[in-house]
Amino acid sequence: MTSRRARTLAIVTLALVLPLVAFVVVRTGGNSGTGARQPAAAPATSTPAATPVPTDLTVIAPGRPGESAATRAAHEVRDAGPAPHNSMDVWFVRMMIPHHAQALEMAELAPDRAADPDIRALADRIRASQGPEMGMMRGWLQTRGLPAEAPGHDHGSMRGMQSPEAMRQLAATRGADFDRLFVRMMTEHHQGAIALATDLLTVGSDLTLNEFANSVATEQTVEIERMRQVLAG
């Protein structure tokens, strides 16, 4: 009888203890590890929207030598400083400015002296291209704080430059004689410019001047051939 009562008491005790143990385990597991209570997040704040940059603004961008200016969107233009250059670039510009000046001086004689309209047209082309090119080269020097002249430079000894006596003779000539003398002198002058441009393309480092020198060599080669054709025709 006593054994039976003991078993009954054990069963009742177990029935009471098991639910309590389960409750404690559940409570403990819910408050541990990643399940711990987290502090409340701060309310989100809105960030003011950035003011959009206008995309319809335009600027006038100067063209390459001999080309007209172009209109471009403002975002396409960057405020870049002067490109790197070396002493050959500076020398080329300082030599080419007086070289162009003499070509313009010869071309300005043609309208009143040339007999062949093709010679006058060629002279017009030289004035239209080399005048703006001189402005570009002066601006190149000015942007870099460089003087246009350097002491000790003898422009008269440059390749292709015509002597003062030859220039006076050209100014005193008219008609077909002027055409022949103009072609001879301008051909020599262009050949000198092509040689200067070729030197720059070999040694110079400024990309803008590189493009300009390439343009000079190409265009003046074409003009030399055109002058020869005019005399041959």
Protein backbone atom coordinates (compact mmCIF):
# COMPACT_ATOMS: atom_id res chain seq x y z
CA MET A 1 0.00 0.00 0.00
CA THR A 2 2.82 2.31 0.91
CA SER A 3 4.60 1.64 -2.42
CA ARG A 4 1.46 2.38 -4.35
CA ARG A 5 0.96 5.70 -2.60
CA ALA A 6 4.58 6.63 -3.31
CA ARG A 7 4.18 6.02 -7.07
CA THR A 8 1.01 8.09 -7.12
CA LEU A 9 2.74 10.96 -5.35
CA ALA A 10 5.67 10.85 -7.81
CA ILE A 11 3.35 11.01 -10.82
CA VAL A 12 1.47 13.98 -9.39
CA THR A 13 4.73 15.79 -8.60
CA LEU A 14 6.07 15.20 -12.11
CA ALA A 15 2.86 16.49 -13.64
CA LEU A 16 3.22 19.73 -11.68
CA VAL A 17 6.96 20.26 -12.28
CA LEU A 18 7.19 19.65 -16.07
CA PRO A 19 4.95 22.59 -17.14
CA LEU A 20 6.93 24.90 -14.84
CA VAL A 21 10.27 23.80 -16.36
CA ALA A 22 8.92 24.29 -19.89
CA PHE A 23 7.72 27.79 -19.01
CA VAL A 24 11.15 28.76 -17.62
CA VAL A 25 12.97 27.43 -20.73
CA VAL A 26 10.70 29.36 -23.09
CA ARG A 27 11.16 32.60 -21.16
CA THR A 28 14.93 32.21 -20.99
CA GLY A 29 15.34 31.41 -24.72
CA GLY A 30 13.20 34.37 -25.77
CA ASN A 31 15.45 36.86 -23.97
CA SER A 32 18.91 35.56 -25.17
CA GLY A 33 21.16 35.90 -28.32
CA THR A 34 19.78 37.88 -31.22
CA GLY A 35 16.31 37.82 -29.77
CA ALA A 36 17.22 40.40 -27.11
CA ARG A 37 15.12 43.52 -27.04
CA GLN A 38 16.58 46.23 -29.32
CA PRO A 39 16.32 49.96 -28.72
CA ALA A 40 13.72 51.71 -30.79
CA ALA A 41 15.06 53.23 -34.03
CA ALA A 42 15.09 56.99 -34.40
CA PRO A 43 12.45 58.34 -36.73
CA ALA A 44 13.75 58.83 -40.30
CA THR A 45 14.36 62.39 -41.42
CA SER A 46 13.99 63.49 -45.02
CA THR A 47 17.07 64.89 -46.87
CA PRO A 48 16.41 68.01 -48.93
CA ALA A 49 16.62 67.23 -52.65
CA ALA A 50 19.62 68.69 -54.46
CA THR A 51 18.88 71.51 -56.87
CA PRO A 52 19.26 70.11 -60.40
CA VAL A 53 21.95 71.67 -62.59
CA PRO A 54 20.44 73.25 -65.70
CA THR A 55 21.24 71.21 -68.78
CA ASP A 56 20.13 73.74 -71.38
CA LEU A 57 22.95 76.26 -70.85
CA THR A 58 25.25 76.80 -73.83
CA VAL A 59 28.61 78.44 -74.37
CA ILE A 60 30.55 79.57 -77.43
CA ALA A 61 33.63 77.40 -77.94
CA PRO A 62 36.32 78.73 -80.30
CA GLY A 63 37.06 76.49 -83.26
CA ARG A 64 40.37 75.11 -84.43
CA PRO A 65 42.58 77.28 -86.64
CA GLY A 66 40.67 78.20 -89.78
CA GLU A 67 37.35 76.97 -88.37
CA SER A 68 34.42 78.96 -87.01
CA ALA A 69 33.32 78.92 -83.37
CA ALA A 70 30.75 76.34 -82.24
CA THR A 71 27.95 76.35 -79.67
CA ARG A 72 28.24 73.61 -77.04
CA ALA A 73 26.38 72.53 -73.94
CA ALA A 74 27.90 73.97 -70.76
CA HIS A 75 28.51 70.53 -69.23
CA GLU A 76 30.73 69.61 -72.20
CA VAL A 77 33.18 72.39 -71.47
CA ARG A 78 35.72 72.01 -68.69
CA ASP A 79 37.72 74.81 -67.09
CA ALA A 80 41.10 73.24 -67.73
CA GLY A 81 44.39 75.04 -67.33
CA PRO A 82 46.99 75.38 -70.07
CA ALA A 83 48.23 72.08 -71.46
CA PRO A 84 51.83 71.04 -70.80
CA HIS A 85 54.34 72.43 -73.29
CA ASN A 86 58.08 72.46 -73.86
CA SER A 87 60.66 74.88 -75.25
CA MET A 88 60.10 73.66 -78.80
CA ASP A 89 56.43 74.62 -78.58
CA VAL A 90 57.35 78.14 -77.48
CA TRP A 91 60.01 78.48 -80.17
CA PHE A 92 57.60 77.30 -82.86
CA VAL A 93 54.92 79.83 -81.93
CA ARG A 94 57.39 82.71 -81.72
CA MET A 95 58.79 81.83 -85.14
CA MET A 96 55.48 81.12 -86.82
CA ILE A 97 53.88 84.46 -85.89
CA PRO A 98 56.30 86.60 -87.98
CA HIS A 99 56.34 83.86 -90.61
CA HIS A 100 52.57 84.17 -90.98
CA ALA A 101 52.85 87.97 -90.91
CA GLN A 102 55.05 87.96 -94.02
CA ALA A 103 52.70 85.57 -95.82
CA LEU A 104 49.85 87.98 -95.09
CA GLU A 105 51.95 90.88 -96.38
CA MET A 106 52.47 89.08 -99.68
CA ALA A 107 48.84 88.01 -99.93
CA GLU A 108 47.64 91.58 -99.42
CA LEU A 109 49.51 92.64 -102.57
CA ALA A 110 47.62 90.23 -104.82
CA PRO A 111 44.18 91.89 -105.22
CA ASP A 112 45.62 94.96 -106.99
CA ARG A 113 48.49 93.27 -108.83
CA ALA A 114 47.66 89.68 -109.82
CA ALA A 115 46.44 88.98 -113.35
CA ASP A 116 45.07 85.48 -112.70
CA PRO A 117 41.87 85.31 -110.63
CA ASP A 118 43.05 81.99 -109.20
CA ILE A 119 46.06 83.76 -107.70
CA ARG A 120 43.78 86.35 -106.14
CA ALA A 121 41.54 83.59 -104.79
CA LEU A 122 44.54 81.82 -103.28
CA ALA A 123 45.69 85.05 -101.66
CA ASP A 124 42.20 85.50 -100.19
CA ARG A 125 42.39 82.00 -98.74
CA ILE A 126 45.77 82.73 -97.15
CA ARG A 127 44.45 85.91 -95.53
CA ALA A 128 41.32 84.14 -94.27
CA SER A 129 43.26 81.31 -92.61
CA GLN A 130 46.54 82.80 -91.44
CA GLY A 131 45.07 85.95 -89.89
CA PRO A 132 43.02 83.98 -87.29
CA GLU A 133 45.93 81.57 -86.82
CA MET A 134 48.16 84.46 -85.76
CA GLY A 135 45.53 85.46 -83.20
CA MET A 136 45.42 81.91 -81.88
CA MET A 137 49.21 81.78 -81.49
CA ARG A 138 49.37 85.14 -79.71
CA GLY A 139 46.64 83.92 -77.37
CA TRP A 140 48.60 80.73 -76.71
CA LEU A 141 51.58 82.75 -75.52
CA GLN A 142 49.47 85.18 -73.51
CA THR A 143 47.64 82.38 -71.69
CA ARG A 144 50.99 81.06 -70.49
CA GLY A 145 52.40 84.46 -69.57
CA LEU A 146 55.05 84.27 -72.30
CA PRO A 147 56.25 87.28 -74.33
CA ALA A 148 55.75 87.17 -78.08
CA GLU A 149 59.38 88.07 -78.72
CA ALA A 150 62.54 86.56 -77.32
CA PRO A 151 65.93 88.31 -77.42
CA GLY A 152 68.39 87.07 -79.99
CA HIS A 153 65.87 85.69 -82.50
CA ASP A 154 66.60 86.61 -86.12
CA HIS A 155 63.33 86.16 -87.98
CA GLY A 156 64.90 87.00 -91.33
CA SER A 157 67.01 83.84 -91.21
CA MET A 158 64.01 81.52 -90.81
CA ARG A 159 63.38 78.99 -93.53
CA GLY A 160 61.15 80.38 -96.24
CA MET A 161 61.36 84.01 -95.14
CA GLN A 162 61.79 86.42 -98.04
CA SER A 163 64.33 89.23 -97.95
CA PRO A 164 63.27 92.89 -97.78
CA GLU A 165 64.60 93.34 -101.32
CA ALA A 166 62.44 90.48 -102.63
CA MET A 167 59.37 91.94 -100.89
CA ARG A 168 59.99 95.34 -102.50
CA GLN A 169 60.37 93.69 -105.89
CA LEU A 170 57.07 91.84 -105.47
CA ALA A 171 55.28 95.06 -104.52
CA ALA A 172 56.63 96.77 -107.65
CA THR A 173 55.49 94.01 -110.05
CA ARG A 174 52.16 93.76 -111.88
CA GLY A 175 50.23 91.33 -114.06
CA ALA A 176 51.60 87.96 -115.16
CA ASP A 177 55.06 88.84 -113.83
CA PHE A 178 53.52 89.33 -110.40
CA ASP A 179 51.75 85.97 -110.63
CA ARG A 180 54.99 84.12 -111.38
CA LEU A 181 56.99 85.93 -108.70
CA PHE A 182 54.19 85.53 -106.16
CA VAL A 183 54.02 81.78 -106.77
CA ARG A 184 57.78 81.38 -106.49
CA MET A 185 58.06 83.38 -103.28
CA MET A 186 54.96 81.94 -101.64
CA THR A 187 56.02 78.40 -102.52
CA GLU A 188 59.38 78.95 -100.81
CA HIS A 189 57.59 80.55 -97.89
CA HIS A 190 55.15 77.63 -97.54
CA GLN A 191 57.99 75.12 -97.72
CA GLY A 192 59.65 76.90 -94.80
CA ALA A 193 56.41 76.77 -92.78
CA ILE A 194 56.04 73.06 -93.52
CA ALA A 195 59.60 72.46 -92.27
CA LEU A 196 58.86 74.37 -89.04
CA ALA A 197 55.65 72.40 -88.55
CA THR A 198 57.46 69.11 -89.14
CA ASP A 199 60.05 70.02 -86.50
CA LEU A 200 57.28 70.68 -83.99
CA LEU A 201 55.52 67.41 -84.78
CA THR A 202 58.79 65.63 -84.01
CA VAL A 203 59.70 67.33 -80.73
CA GLY A 204 56.77 69.42 -79.44
CA SER A 205 54.51 68.28 -76.61
CA ASP A 206 51.47 70.61 -76.67
CA LEU A 207 48.52 68.78 -78.23
CA THR A 208 46.82 71.93 -79.54
CA LEU A 209 49.99 73.03 -81.30
CA ASN A 210 50.48 69.51 -82.60
CA GLU A 211 47.08 69.66 -84.30
CA PHE A 212 47.82 73.15 -85.59
CA ALA A 213 51.20 72.14 -87.02
CA ASN A 214 49.64 69.15 -88.74
CA SER A 215 47.01 71.46 -90.25
CA VAL A 216 49.69 73.89 -91.46
CA ALA A 217 51.71 71.14 -93.12
CA THR A 218 48.64 69.65 -94.81
CA GLU A 219 47.00 72.87 -96.00
CA GLN A 220 50.16 74.53 -97.25
CA THR A 221 51.19 71.42 -99.15
CA VAL A 222 47.83 71.59 -100.94
CA GLU A 223 48.33 75.30 -101.66
CA ILE A 224 51.78 74.71 -103.14
CA GLU A 225 50.34 72.15 -105.53
CA ARG A 226 47.50 74.51 -106.39
CA MET A 227 49.91 77.34 -107.24
CA ARG A 228 51.91 75.06 -109.51
CA GLN A 229 48.75 74.03 -111.31
CA VAL A 230 47.77 77.68 -111.83
CA LEU A 231 51.08 78.50 -113.50
CA ALA A 232 51.04 75.30 -115.56
CA GLY A 233 47.50 75.97 -116.78
